[in-house]
Protein backbone atom coordinates (compact mmCIF):
# COMPACT_ATOMS: atom_id res chain seq x y z
CA UNK A 1 46.37 36.88 -73.90
CA UNK A 2 49.73 36.69 -72.64
CA UNK A 3 51.27 40.48 -71.84
CA UNK A 4 54.60 41.34 -73.34
CA UNK A 5 57.52 41.58 -70.98
CA UNK A 6 58.98 44.87 -70.39
CA UNK A 7 62.49 45.89 -70.12
CA UNK A 8 63.96 42.23 -70.56
CA UNK A 9 67.88 43.29 -70.92
CA UNK A 10 67.07 45.12 -67.58
CA UNK A 11 66.62 41.75 -65.97
CA UNK A 12 69.50 40.36 -67.86
CA UNK A 13 72.93 39.62 -67.08
CA UNK A 14 74.63 41.31 -70.41
CA UNK A 15 77.15 43.46 -70.17
CA UNK A 16 78.14 46.05 -73.20
CA UNK A 17 81.09 48.12 -73.88
CA UNK A 18 82.13 51.29 -75.43
CA UNK A 19 85.37 52.93 -76.38
CA UNK A 20 87.06 55.44 -73.95
CA UNK A 21 87.03 57.93 -76.60
CA UNK A 22 83.28 57.22 -77.36
CA UNK A 23 82.50 57.55 -73.20
CA UNK A 24 84.27 60.99 -73.37
CA UNK A 25 82.56 61.92 -76.45
CA UNK A 26 80.55 65.15 -77.03
CA UNK A 27 76.73 64.09 -77.64
CA UNK A 28 73.42 64.53 -75.94
CA UNK A 29 70.44 62.78 -75.69
CA UNK A 30 67.04 62.20 -74.58
CA UNK A 31 66.28 59.68 -71.86
CA UNK A 32 64.66 57.57 -74.41
CA UNK A 33 67.26 58.08 -77.01
CA UNK A 34 69.44 56.80 -74.47
CA UNK A 35 67.66 54.17 -73.89
CA UNK A 36 67.35 53.08 -77.78
CA UNK A 37 70.93 53.31 -77.79
CA UNK A 38 71.78 51.00 -75.01
CA UNK A 39 69.23 48.51 -76.78
CA UNK A 40 71.91 48.72 -79.43
CA UNK A 41 74.63 48.30 -77.36
CA UNK A 42 72.79 45.26 -76.28
CA UNK A 43 72.81 43.51 -79.52
CA UNK A 44 76.20 43.77 -80.19
CA UNK A 45 78.25 40.20 -79.75
CA UNK A 46 81.77 40.37 -79.34
CA UNK A 47 82.91 39.03 -82.61
CA UNK A 48 81.11 41.26 -84.69
CA UNK A 49 82.50 42.93 -87.57
CA UNK A 50 80.15 45.23 -88.89
CA UNK A 51 76.65 46.64 -87.43
CA UNK A 52 73.02 44.66 -87.66
CA UNK A 53 70.30 46.01 -88.59
CA UNK A 54 68.38 45.59 -85.07
CA UNK A 55 64.65 45.47 -84.33
CA UNK A 56 63.96 46.83 -81.24
CA UNK A 57 60.53 46.32 -79.31
CA UNK A 58 58.93 49.28 -77.81
CA UNK A 59 58.61 47.90 -74.81
CA UNK A 60 62.32 47.17 -74.40
CA UNK A 61 62.81 51.17 -74.41
CA UNK A 62 59.66 52.64 -73.00
CA UNK A 63 57.91 51.68 -69.69
CA UNK A 64 54.19 52.37 -70.97
CA UNK A 65 53.75 50.68 -74.45
CA UNK A 66 49.89 51.41 -74.23
CA UNK A 67 49.96 55.37 -74.14
CA UNK A 68 49.90 57.41 -77.01
CA UNK A 69 52.22 59.95 -75.58
CA UNK A 70 54.89 57.20 -75.05
CA UNK A 71 54.59 56.26 -78.72
CA UNK A 72 55.01 60.24 -79.78
CA UNK A 73 57.98 60.01 -77.32
CA UNK A 74 59.63 57.02 -79.56
CA UNK A 75 59.01 58.77 -82.62
CA UNK A 76 60.45 61.76 -81.83
CA UNK A 77 63.55 59.87 -80.27
CA UNK A 78 63.35 58.03 -83.64
CA UNK A 79 63.65 61.15 -85.46
CA UNK A 80 66.58 63.11 -83.19
CA UNK A 81 68.70 59.78 -83.02
CA UNK A 82 68.50 59.70 -86.69
CA UNK A 83 70.30 62.92 -86.67
CA UNK A 84 72.89 62.64 -83.46
CA UNK A 85 76.66 63.36 -84.40
CA UNK A 86 79.27 62.47 -82.45
CA UNK A 87 82.30 64.33 -81.71
CA UNK A 88 85.43 63.04 -80.40
CA UNK A 89 88.56 64.45 -79.81
CA UNK A 90 91.63 62.74 -80.18
CA UNK A 91 95.30 62.29 -81.32
CA UNK A 92 96.79 61.28 -84.85
CA UNK A 93 99.28 58.69 -85.21
CA UNK A 94 101.73 61.70 -85.47
CA UNK A 95 100.49 63.31 -82.20
CA UNK A 96 98.69 65.66 -83.37
CA UNK A 97 94.89 66.57 -82.14
CA UNK A 98 92.21 65.43 -84.33
CA UNK A 99 88.29 66.39 -84.02
CA UNK A 100 86.18 63.20 -85.48
CA UNK A 101 82.43 64.24 -85.74
CA UNK A 102 80.32 61.45 -87.53
CA UNK A 103 76.66 60.49 -87.53
CA UNK A 104 75.71 58.05 -84.83
CA UNK A 105 73.20 56.30 -87.11
CA UNK A 106 73.02 54.74 -90.50
CA UNK A 107 69.36 54.39 -90.24
CA UNK A 108 67.01 54.69 -87.43
CA UNK A 109 62.76 53.60 -88.59
CA UNK A 110 59.39 53.78 -86.88
CA UNK A 111 56.14 52.70 -88.29
CA UNK A 112 53.23 53.65 -86.55
CA UNK A 113 51.72 50.38 -84.69
CA UNK A 114 54.23 47.97 -85.72
CA UNK A 115 55.51 47.90 -81.89
CA UNK A 116 59.16 47.68 -83.49
CA UNK A 117 62.02 50.55 -84.01
CA UNK A 118 64.31 49.10 -86.79
CA UNK A 119 67.89 50.89 -86.57
CA UNK A 120 71.27 50.30 -87.21
CA UNK A 121 74.55 52.22 -85.80
CA UNK A 122 77.05 53.68 -88.59
CA UNK A 123 79.99 52.17 -89.70
CA UNK A 124 82.01 55.15 -88.91
CA UNK A 125 81.54 54.59 -85.30
CA UNK A 126 82.63 50.74 -85.83
CA UNK A 127 86.03 51.74 -83.74
CA UNK A 128 84.72 52.75 -80.76
CA UNK A 129 82.16 49.74 -80.49
CA UNK A 130 83.17 46.56 -82.48
CA UNK A 131 86.44 44.43 -81.82
CA UNK A 132 87.86 46.35 -79.00
CA UNK A 133 91.24 45.81 -77.59
CA UNK A 134 92.33 47.77 -74.47
CA UNK A 135 91.03 51.27 -73.45
CA UNK A 136 87.66 50.66 -73.00
CA UNK A 137 84.78 50.27 -70.66
CA UNK A 138 82.14 47.44 -69.30
CA UNK A 139 78.60 48.53 -68.00
CA UNK A 140 75.92 46.16 -66.78
CA UNK A 141 72.65 46.60 -69.23
CA UNK A 142 70.14 46.41 -66.10
CA UNK A 143 72.29 49.11 -64.41
CA UNK A 144 72.15 51.43 -67.45
CA UNK A 145 68.55 50.89 -67.89
CA UNK A 146 67.57 51.51 -64.74
CA UNK A 147 68.78 55.10 -64.71
CA UNK A 148 66.43 57.97 -65.26
CA UNK A 149 68.61 60.54 -66.14
CA UNK A 150 71.07 61.11 -69.14
CA UNK A 151 73.46 63.16 -67.33
CA UNK A 152 73.46 60.14 -64.39
CA UNK A 153 74.04 57.64 -67.55
CA UNK A 154 77.13 59.89 -69.16
CA UNK A 155 78.57 60.29 -65.69
CA UNK A 156 78.06 56.76 -64.66
CA UNK A 157 79.84 55.52 -67.86
CA UNK A 158 83.17 58.48 -66.83
CA UNK A 159 83.21 56.97 -63.63
CA UNK A 160 83.24 53.46 -64.82
CA UNK A 161 86.06 54.38 -67.01
CA UNK A 162 88.13 55.41 -64.07
CA UNK A 163 86.99 53.50 -61.53
CA UNK A 164 89.69 50.59 -61.56
CA UNK A 165 92.89 52.66 -62.40
CA UNK A 166 92.13 55.68 -60.13
CA UNK A 167 89.31 56.61 -57.14
CA UNK A 168 88.93 59.88 -58.02
CA UNK A 169 89.38 61.82 -61.03
CA UNK A 170 88.75 65.92 -61.78
CA UNK A 171 87.64 67.39 -64.76
CA UNK A 172 87.03 71.25 -65.85
CA UNK A 173 83.37 72.22 -65.64
CA UNK A 174 83.26 73.18 -69.17
CA UNK A 175 84.76 70.16 -70.48
CA UNK A 176 82.09 68.20 -68.69
CA UNK A 177 79.31 70.67 -69.78
CA UNK A 178 81.13 69.85 -73.54
CA UNK A 179 80.91 66.09 -72.95
CA UNK A 180 77.05 66.19 -71.84
CA UNK A 181 76.40 68.93 -74.77
CA UNK A 182 75.11 71.44 -72.55
CA UNK A 183 77.58 74.10 -73.14
CA UNK A 184 74.71 76.75 -73.44
CA UNK A 185 72.72 75.08 -70.12
CA UNK A 186 73.13 75.89 -66.66
CA UNK A 187 75.40 79.01 -66.99
CA UNK A 188 75.16 79.32 -63.53
CA UNK A 189 77.29 76.67 -61.46
CA UNK A 190 74.55 76.75 -58.32
CA UNK A 191 72.05 75.26 -61.48
CA UNK A 192 74.79 73.06 -63.02
CA UNK A 193 75.28 71.67 -59.30
CA UNK A 194 71.66 71.01 -58.59
CA UNK A 195 70.46 69.75 -62.00
CA UNK A 196 73.44 68.01 -63.24
CA UNK A 197 75.96 66.68 -60.44
CA UNK A 198 73.36 66.44 -57.44
CA UNK A 199 70.50 64.38 -59.36
CA UNK A 200 73.35 62.04 -60.47
CA UNK A 201 74.69 61.87 -57.37
CA UNK A 202 71.61 61.02 -55.90
CA UNK A 203 70.66 58.13 -58.58
CA UNK A 204 73.99 56.70 -59.02
CA UNK A 205 74.26 56.07 -55.00
CA UNK A 206 72.31 52.82 -55.66
CA UNK A 207 74.47 51.52 -58.53
CA UNK A 208 78.43 50.35 -58.32
CA UNK A 209 79.42 53.95 -59.10
CA UNK A 210 78.49 55.92 -55.95
CA UNK A 211 80.14 58.76 -55.79
CA UNK A 212 80.93 62.22 -53.50
CA UNK A 213 82.45 65.42 -55.65
CA UNK A 214 84.35 68.74 -54.70
CA UNK A 215 84.23 72.08 -56.13
CA UNK A 216 87.81 73.64 -56.81
CA UNK A 217 87.41 77.13 -57.60
CA UNK A 218 89.91 79.93 -59.07
CA UNK A 219 88.72 82.84 -57.37
CA UNK A 220 85.00 83.14 -56.80
CA UNK A 221 84.34 80.62 -59.69
CA UNK A 222 84.23 76.99 -59.79
CA UNK A 223 86.13 75.98 -62.71
CA UNK A 224 87.04 72.30 -61.78
CA UNK A 225 84.87 69.24 -60.13
CA UNK A 226 87.26 66.12 -58.55
CA UNK A 227 84.53 63.17 -58.43
CA UNK A 228 85.59 60.69 -55.71
CA UNK A 229 84.57 57.20 -56.27
CA UNK A 230 82.98 55.30 -53.41
CA UNK A 231 85.47 52.40 -53.48
CA UNK A 232 83.42 50.44 -50.94
CA UNK A 233 80.35 50.51 -53.05
CA UNK A 234 82.49 49.24 -55.84
CA UNK A 235 83.52 46.67 -53.80
CA UNK A 236 80.35 45.77 -51.86
CA UNK A 237 78.55 42.88 -52.94
CA UNK A 238 76.71 41.14 -50.30
CA UNK A 239 77.27 40.45 -46.67
CA UNK A 240 78.11 36.64 -47.49
CA UNK A 241 80.54 37.73 -50.24
CA UNK A 242 84.42 36.71 -49.06
CA UNK A 243 85.66 37.25 -52.68
CA UNK A 244 89.82 38.70 -51.84
CA UNK A 245 89.35 42.45 -52.80
CA UNK A 246 91.98 42.23 -55.51
CA UNK A 247 89.88 39.33 -57.16
CA UNK A 248 86.61 40.71 -57.08
CA UNK A 249 88.32 44.49 -58.53
CA UNK A 250 89.33 42.05 -61.21
CA UNK A 251 86.72 40.34 -62.33
CA UNK A 252 84.53 43.47 -62.05
CA UNK A 253 87.49 44.99 -64.31
CA UNK A 254 86.62 41.96 -66.74
CA UNK A 255 82.95 42.61 -67.12
CA UNK A 256 81.99 39.57 -64.62
CA UNK A 257 78.34 41.17 -63.53
CA UNK A 258 77.47 40.92 -59.55
CA UNK A 259 74.97 38.49 -60.02
CA UNK A 260 78.30 36.00 -61.71
CA UNK A 261 80.30 37.55 -59.21
CA UNK A 262 78.03 36.35 -56.36
CA UNK A 263 77.51 32.52 -58.41
CA UNK A 264 81.88 32.65 -58.07
CA UNK A 265 81.56 33.61 -54.30
CA UNK A 266 79.11 31.00 -53.79
CA UNK A 267 81.41 28.44 -55.29
CA UNK A 268 84.32 29.48 -53.57
CA UNK A 269 82.32 29.46 -49.92
CA UNK A 270 81.49 26.01 -50.64
CA UNK A 271 85.37 24.91 -51.09
CA UNK A 272 84.61 23.84 -54.58
CA UNK A 273 87.32 26.35 -56.08
CA UNK A 274 90.20 28.39 -54.43
CA UNK A 275 90.88 32.25 -54.95
CA UNK A 276 94.48 30.86 -56.56
CA UNK A 277 91.86 28.86 -59.40
CA UNK A 278 90.31 32.10 -59.82
CA UNK A 279 93.27 34.16 -60.63
CA UNK A 280 95.03 31.53 -62.61
CA UNK A 281 91.72 31.51 -64.99
CA UNK A 282 92.19 35.28 -65.02
CA UNK A 283 95.79 35.28 -65.91
CA UNK A 284 95.37 32.18 -68.52
CA UNK A 285 92.21 33.57 -70.44
CA UNK A 286 93.60 37.20 -70.85
CA UNK A 287 96.77 35.81 -72.56
CA UNK A 288 94.45 33.58 -75.04
CA UNK A 289 92.53 36.87 -75.78
CA UNK A 290 95.51 38.88 -76.53
CA UNK A 291 96.69 35.69 -78.98
CA UNK A 292 93.17 36.47 -80.50
CA UNK A 293 92.03 32.74 -79.39
CA UNK A 294 89.21 34.58 -77.22
CA UNK A 295 86.46 36.78 -78.45
CA UNK A 296 84.59 36.93 -75.00
CA UNK A 297 86.69 37.73 -72.45
CA UNK A 298 84.00 38.11 -69.37
CA UNK A 299 82.03 35.07 -70.57
CA UNK A 300 84.71 32.66 -71.07
CA UNK A 301 86.31 33.66 -67.31
CA UNK A 302 82.88 33.16 -65.85
CA UNK A 303 82.44 29.91 -67.65
CA UNK A 304 85.70 28.44 -66.98
CA UNK A 305 85.20 29.51 -63.45
CA UNK A 306 81.91 27.99 -62.48
CA UNK A 307 81.94 25.10 -64.41
CA UNK A 308 85.87 24.60 -63.85
CA UNK A 309 87.16 23.60 -67.17
CA UNK A 310 90.82 24.89 -66.50
CA UNK A 311 91.05 22.83 -63.11
CA UNK A 312 92.87 19.92 -64.70
CA UNK A 313 95.62 22.72 -66.15
CA UNK A 314 95.56 24.42 -63.04
CA UNK A 315 96.35 21.55 -61.02
CA UNK A 316 99.11 20.73 -63.57
CA UNK A 317 100.46 24.27 -63.19
CA UNK A 318 100.38 24.29 -59.64
CA UNK A 319 102.50 21.13 -58.76
CA UNK A 320 104.55 22.28 -61.66
CA UNK A 321 108.15 24.12 -60.44
CA UNK A 322 107.32 26.89 -62.54
CA UNK A 323 104.37 27.42 -60.25
CA UNK A 324 104.03 30.84 -58.06
CA UNK A 325 101.08 31.00 -55.63
CA UNK A 326 99.16 34.35 -56.88
CA UNK A 327 99.31 37.07 -54.50
CA UNK A 328 95.80 38.44 -53.30
CA UNK A 329 94.68 40.81 -50.65
CA UNK A 330 92.40 38.75 -48.52
CA UNK A 331 88.77 40.40 -47.55
CA UNK A 332 88.43 40.83 -43.86
CA UNK A 333 85.79 38.71 -43.63
CA UNK A 334 87.93 35.90 -45.34
CA UNK A 335 88.18 32.93 -43.77
CA UNK A 336 90.37 29.57 -45.24
CA UNK A 337 88.55 27.29 -46.96
CA UNK A 338 88.82 23.40 -47.81
CA UNK A 339 88.88 22.73 -51.56
CA UNK A 340 87.31 19.56 -52.51
CA UNK A 341 87.68 17.82 -55.87
CA UNK A 342 85.59 14.86 -57.14
CA UNK A 343 88.17 11.57 -58.04
CA UNK A 344 86.28 11.08 -60.95
CA UNK A 345 86.67 14.24 -62.43
CA UNK A 346 90.59 14.13 -61.62
CA UNK A 347 90.86 10.82 -63.39
CA UNK A 348 89.15 12.52 -66.67
CA UNK A 349 91.56 15.36 -66.11
CA UNK A 350 94.36 13.53 -66.44
CA UNK A 351 93.23 11.47 -69.37
CA UNK A 352 92.86 14.39 -70.93
CA UNK A 353 95.93 16.61 -69.96
CA UNK A 354 97.92 12.80 -71.03
CA UNK A 355 96.27 13.05 -74.65
CA UNK A 356 97.55 16.71 -74.92
CA UNK A 357 100.80 15.87 -73.66
CA UNK A 358 100.42 18.64 -70.90
CA UNK A 359 101.74 16.27 -68.20
CA UNK A 360 105.04 14.37 -67.63
CA UNK A 361 103.36 12.16 -65.08
CA UNK A 362 103.30 7.98 -66.08
CA UNK A 363 99.75 7.20 -64.72
CA UNK A 364 96.92 8.62 -62.73
CA UNK A 365 98.08 7.41 -59.62
CA UNK A 366 101.32 9.15 -60.23
CA UNK A 367 99.13 12.20 -60.44
CA UNK A 368 97.40 11.42 -57.32
CA UNK A 369 100.16 10.99 -55.14
CA UNK A 370 101.40 14.48 -56.57
CA UNK A 371 98.10 15.74 -54.88
CA UNK A 372 98.84 13.63 -51.69
CA UNK A 373 102.15 15.80 -51.65
CA UNK A 374 100.10 18.91 -52.04
CA UNK A 375 98.21 18.25 -49.07
CA UNK A 376 94.48 16.30 -50.06
CA UNK A 377 93.44 13.68 -48.90
CA UNK A 378 91.03 10.71 -50.16
CA UNK A 379 87.52 10.59 -48.52
CA UNK A 380 84.22 9.09 -49.68
CA UNK A 381 80.95 11.55 -49.19
CA UNK A 382 77.48 10.43 -49.73
CA UNK A 383 79.17 7.37 -51.45
CA UNK A 384 81.57 9.80 -54.12
CA UNK A 385 85.39 9.66 -53.98
CA UNK A 386 86.39 13.04 -53.47
CA UNK A 387 89.72 14.74 -52.66
CA UNK A 388 89.71 17.15 -49.68
CA UNK A 389 92.73 19.59 -48.93
CA UNK A 390 91.88 21.78 -45.92
């Protein structure tokens, strides 16, 4: 009998998002509850307007599905998650402070021996998880489910929400306790540091949110903690990656996973695409997302880059009078690479642009001549006509 594959989401390339108000909300969870919550996040599609009733395999949230102890932990997690309340402090439309406290779950059920948890998020939390537009944070499922500490999970999200605006942030110790839902735990800072900060620091050292921290005192008491995000860890992927720093940050900011960035880097290194095309895709699809034409920006960016879906539009834009080369900060190991285009694909692209009225050129020969002006030359490689630019 084929065994059940465990942690399918850990091995996948899925990203999830939360509004930053939920990232900073007050609540506490056990590790099992956290895994169950992440499993629910993974089942949210970018276009969803309502929460679905989900069946979550026990094997997805529990390392050992054969032991009675694990089932007991699942039962306890179901009961506790069902009563979980999320408290958010925000501002209303008049600028007045508002405290919102809502139940997280609409339902959470488990039947002994079924092998599944049935759960649904409460409609009250829709503004923080569905149809997100601005002020939200994206993280990878496989990173979240590899964390072994609830504190690491919450601090990871806090760091992630900060990473692309600043390399550090300072927070009051009491506020951090409140966010973590442990106002009355570890009253001595030494214990708080040992069991929360240092544990999280050690665990996140192997993720893209590696950090150090400083203690800021008022007299003899530690009142503030300054988190310093390891920017090199945020930007480092692999020794062979040649993505410019700005492009890598932009891709990660838009929810492109590390595995996907590796694939994009391989295309860049091979000369299939160039860094200007990547920036063009990000800028164009961001505009479409703002107009409501795209539901999943990260997915659209990834597909458009690796499948070169906007290459024809990019070449036309590049040859237009309004084209301005995107400014990117080159990585220290970046070198100039050739751009290679298949002639037949360019012919098909030109025909498509003519149908859409996206070019003023009359014939493909005119379009080809414009590429020659740009520095492309026509060669034959392995029996295929290609356009190449050094």
